[in-house]
Amino acid sequence: MRRLLHMVSTLLCALMAAGAASSMAAPGAAGSNHLKGSRSPYLQRASQDLVDWYPWGEEAFKKAKDLDRPILLDLGAEWCPYCSQMDRESYTQPELAKFINDQFVAVKLDYDSQPEIAARLQRAQAFMNLPVGLPLTAFLSPSGKLYFGGGYFPARSQAGKPSLQEVMNGALHMFREQREVVEQAGFDVRKKEGTQIHE
């Protein structure tokens, strides 16, 4: 766990020092969105996004395992102004959406519809000294180990705050280059207890 916390701290420092957003992938067609038919108003609102969102569930984790990709998880709520701002700034942009669809399995979670899972994610990020408010941006391994995250990230870096693109680049690097640490020390957010810690 200490190795993972050190990695997260180092990455956060590097991201905050970055002066500008990293270059983005070229635009392309988005996949079909898996939020269609959701009962949650918050998820319904995102069902037309270019990001190929999945709801929280086995299908998303199986997809991540099959593709060997990390999960980008966005936890938000309909009443959260910064959630709406991040949706507008980032998740509706073709270039960024294509990058997410090509590199991650994207999962969107409604704070009000699934409070138990939301609380589990917030406890995990609090344990790792990461922001726990809304929106909550988390990066998980296909096995469900939360290894990095934060809160609201702007589309472009500003006032020392890294952009979402920079954060995603950092999370991808950790997943690909430090996979053993991610799996061994990550916080297992799929455990119902919500307090399982892997040393």
Protein backbone atom coordinates (compact mmCIF):
# COMPACT_ATOMS: atom_id res chain seq x y z
CA MET A 1 0.00 0.00 0.00
CA ARG A 2 2.86 2.38 0.79
CA ARG A 3 4.30 1.85 -2.69
CA LEU A 4 0.96 2.71 -4.27
CA LEU A 5 0.50 5.81 -2.11
CA HIS A 6 4.00 6.94 -3.09
CA MET A 7 3.19 6.39 -6.76
CA VAL A 8 -0.05 8.36 -6.45
CA SER A 9 1.70 11.20 -4.63
CA THR A 10 4.46 11.35 -7.23
CA LEU A 11 1.97 11.34 -10.09
CA LEU A 12 -0.13 14.10 -8.51
CA CYS A 13 2.95 16.28 -8.09
CA ALA A 14 3.97 15.70 -11.70
CA LEU A 15 0.49 16.50 -12.97
CA MET A 16 0.26 19.70 -10.95
CA ALA A 17 3.61 20.80 -12.37
CA ALA A 18 2.45 20.33 -15.95
CA GLY A 19 1.88 23.66 -17.61
CA ALA A 20 -0.48 22.66 -20.39
CA ALA A 21 -2.78 19.84 -21.39
CA SER A 22 -1.32 16.93 -23.28
CA SER A 23 -2.17 16.46 -26.93
CA MET A 24 -5.37 14.54 -27.57
CA ALA A 25 -6.21 11.74 -29.96
CA ALA A 26 -7.83 12.56 -33.28
CA PRO A 27 -11.61 12.64 -33.35
CA GLY A 28 -13.54 9.57 -34.36
CA ALA A 29 -16.87 7.84 -34.12
CA ALA A 30 -18.19 7.00 -30.67
CA GLY A 31 -19.50 3.59 -29.77
CA SER A 32 -23.05 2.93 -28.68
CA ASN A 33 -23.81 4.15 -25.20
CA HIS A 34 -24.84 1.51 -22.67
CA LEU A 35 -26.78 3.92 -20.43
CA LYS A 36 -29.85 3.90 -22.65
CA GLY A 37 -32.83 2.57 -20.75
CA SER A 38 -31.42 3.49 -17.35
CA ARG A 39 -33.97 4.50 -14.70
CA SER A 40 -31.63 7.11 -13.26
CA PRO A 41 -32.27 10.64 -14.59
CA TYR A 42 -28.57 11.41 -14.16
CA LEU A 43 -27.53 8.43 -16.27
CA GLN A 44 -30.27 9.07 -18.80
CA ARG A 45 -28.84 12.55 -19.33
CA ALA A 46 -25.51 10.99 -20.28
CA SER A 47 -27.02 8.36 -22.57
CA GLN A 48 -26.39 10.60 -25.60
CA ASP A 49 -22.76 11.33 -24.70
CA LEU A 50 -20.03 10.43 -27.17
CA VAL A 51 -18.32 8.49 -24.38
CA ASP A 52 -19.33 4.83 -24.47
CA TRP A 53 -20.52 4.78 -20.86
CA TYR A 54 -21.44 1.58 -19.06
CA PRO A 55 -23.43 1.46 -15.84
CA TRP A 56 -21.74 -0.09 -12.80
CA GLY A 57 -21.96 -3.88 -13.14
CA GLU A 58 -20.43 -7.12 -14.30
CA GLU A 59 -20.67 -6.22 -17.98
CA ALA A 60 -18.27 -3.30 -17.57
CA PHE A 61 -15.75 -5.28 -15.53
CA LYS A 62 -15.86 -8.18 -18.01
CA LYS A 63 -15.27 -5.75 -20.88
CA ALA A 64 -12.28 -4.26 -19.07
CA LYS A 65 -10.87 -7.73 -18.41
CA ASP A 66 -11.38 -8.87 -22.00
CA LEU A 67 -9.69 -5.74 -23.40
CA ASP A 68 -7.13 -5.52 -20.55
CA ARG A 69 -7.93 -1.86 -20.01
CA PRO A 70 -8.35 0.24 -16.88
CA ILE A 71 -11.78 1.55 -15.93
CA LEU A 72 -12.47 5.28 -15.87
CA LEU A 73 -15.27 5.75 -13.36
CA ASP A 74 -17.26 8.96 -13.05
CA LEU A 75 -19.41 9.32 -9.92
CA GLY A 76 -21.83 12.23 -9.98
CA ALA A 77 -25.34 13.45 -9.29
CA GLU A 78 -28.01 15.39 -11.12
CA TRP A 79 -27.92 18.18 -8.52
CA CYS A 80 -24.10 18.56 -8.61
CA PRO A 81 -23.06 21.69 -10.60
CA TYR A 82 -19.44 20.61 -11.08
CA CYS A 83 -20.62 17.23 -12.36
CA SER A 84 -22.60 19.00 -15.08
CA GLN A 85 -19.66 21.28 -15.81
CA MET A 86 -17.26 18.37 -16.25
CA ASP A 87 -19.77 16.60 -18.48
CA ARG A 88 -20.06 19.70 -20.71
CA GLU A 89 -16.35 20.51 -20.78
CA SER A 90 -14.92 17.05 -21.32
CA TYR A 91 -17.26 14.16 -21.95
CA THR A 92 -19.09 15.83 -24.84
CA GLN A 93 -15.85 16.64 -26.70
CA PRO A 94 -15.23 14.32 -29.68
CA GLU A 95 -11.43 14.16 -29.28
CA LEU A 96 -11.54 13.38 -25.58
CA ALA A 97 -14.43 10.94 -25.96
CA LYS A 98 -12.51 9.01 -28.62
CA PHE A 99 -9.45 8.83 -26.38
CA ILE A 100 -11.56 7.47 -23.51
CA ASN A 101 -13.31 4.94 -25.74
CA ASP A 102 -9.99 3.76 -27.18
CA GLN A 103 -8.05 3.49 -23.92
CA PHE A 104 -10.54 2.80 -21.11
CA VAL A 105 -13.81 1.16 -20.25
CA ALA A 106 -15.92 4.07 -19.05
CA VAL A 107 -18.38 3.63 -16.17
CA LYS A 108 -20.82 6.29 -14.98
CA LEU A 109 -22.41 5.99 -11.54
CA ASP A 110 -25.29 7.93 -9.98
CA TYR A 111 -24.59 8.92 -6.38
CA ASP A 112 -28.30 8.92 -5.49
CA SER A 113 -29.23 5.65 -7.18
CA GLN A 114 -26.38 3.57 -5.76
CA PRO A 115 -25.31 5.23 -2.48
CA GLU A 116 -23.66 2.09 -1.08
CA ILE A 117 -21.24 1.83 -3.97
CA ALA A 118 -20.71 5.59 -3.94
CA ALA A 119 -19.77 5.46 -0.26
CA ARG A 120 -17.39 2.58 -0.95
CA LEU A 121 -15.60 4.63 -3.61
CA GLN A 122 -15.41 7.68 -1.36
CA ARG A 123 -13.93 5.63 1.49
CA ALA A 124 -11.34 4.19 -0.87
CA GLN A 125 -10.24 7.60 -2.12
CA ALA A 126 -10.20 9.04 1.40
CA PHE A 127 -7.90 6.21 2.48
CA MET A 128 -5.56 7.10 -0.39
CA ASN A 129 -5.67 10.83 0.48
CA LEU A 130 -7.59 11.64 -2.71
CA PRO A 131 -10.61 13.98 -3.02
CA VAL A 132 -13.91 12.38 -1.99
CA GLY A 133 -16.53 14.91 -3.08
CA LEU A 134 -18.53 15.14 -6.29
CA PRO A 135 -17.73 14.65 -9.02
CA LEU A 136 -15.47 11.76 -8.13
CA THR A 137 -13.14 10.54 -10.85
CA ALA A 138 -11.61 7.12 -10.17
CA PHE A 139 -9.37 4.71 -12.03
CA LEU A 140 -9.82 0.98 -11.42
CA SER A 141 -8.12 -2.16 -12.63
CA PRO A 142 -10.35 -4.76 -14.35
CA SER A 143 -10.39 -6.69 -11.07
CA GLY A 144 -11.89 -3.68 -9.27
CA LYS A 145 -8.81 -2.25 -7.54
CA LEU A 146 -9.03 1.52 -7.24
CA TYR A 147 -5.50 2.83 -7.71
CA PHE A 148 -5.83 6.51 -8.63
CA GLY A 149 -8.42 9.26 -8.78
CA GLY A 150 -9.53 12.73 -7.84
CA GLY A 151 -12.49 15.04 -8.13
CA TYR A 152 -13.26 17.63 -10.79
CA PHE A 153 -10.69 17.94 -13.56
CA PRO A 154 -10.98 20.72 -16.15
CA ALA A 155 -10.72 20.12 -19.88
CA ARG A 156 -7.55 22.25 -19.87
CA SER A 157 -5.06 22.62 -17.02
CA GLN A 158 -5.54 25.82 -15.09
CA ALA A 159 -4.26 27.40 -11.88
CA GLY A 160 -2.04 24.42 -11.14
CA LYS A 161 -4.86 21.91 -11.58
CA PRO A 162 -4.13 19.19 -14.16
CA SER A 163 -6.46 18.58 -17.06
CA LEU A 164 -8.50 15.41 -17.40
CA GLN A 165 -6.30 14.39 -20.34
CA GLU A 166 -3.15 14.69 -18.23
CA VAL A 167 -4.73 12.71 -15.40
CA MET A 168 -5.83 9.95 -17.78
CA ASN A 169 -2.34 9.77 -19.27
CA GLY A 170 -0.90 9.36 -15.79
CA ALA A 171 -3.44 6.69 -14.84
CA LEU A 172 -2.68 4.76 -18.03
CA HIS A 173 1.05 4.89 -17.31
CA MET A 174 0.51 3.53 -13.80
CA PHE A 175 -1.72 0.74 -15.11
CA ARG A 176 0.73 -0.33 -17.81
CA GLU A 177 4.05 0.18 -16.05
CA GLN A 178 3.18 -0.58 -12.41
CA ARG A 179 0.55 -3.27 -12.85
CA GLU A 180 1.78 -5.48 -10.03
CA VAL A 181 1.62 -2.63 -7.53
CA VAL A 182 -1.83 -1.62 -8.76
CA GLU A 183 -3.21 -5.12 -8.27
CA GLN A 184 -1.52 -5.82 -4.95
CA ALA A 185 -2.00 -2.47 -3.25
CA GLY A 186 -5.14 -1.08 -4.87
CA PHE A 187 -8.30 -0.68 -2.82
CA ASP A 188 -10.84 -3.37 -3.74
CA VAL A 189 -14.06 -1.38 -4.25
CA ARG A 190 -16.02 -4.45 -5.33
CA LYS A 191 -15.91 -5.84 -1.78
CA LYS A 192 -19.24 -5.27 -0.08
CA GLU A 193 -17.54 -4.49 3.21
CA GLY A 194 -16.05 -1.39 1.64
CA THR A 195 -13.18 -1.35 4.12
CA GLN A 196 -11.03 -4.14 2.72
CA ILE A 197 -7.44 -2.93 2.54
CA HIS A 198 -4.71 -4.76 0.66
CA GLU A 199 -1.28 -4.21 2.13
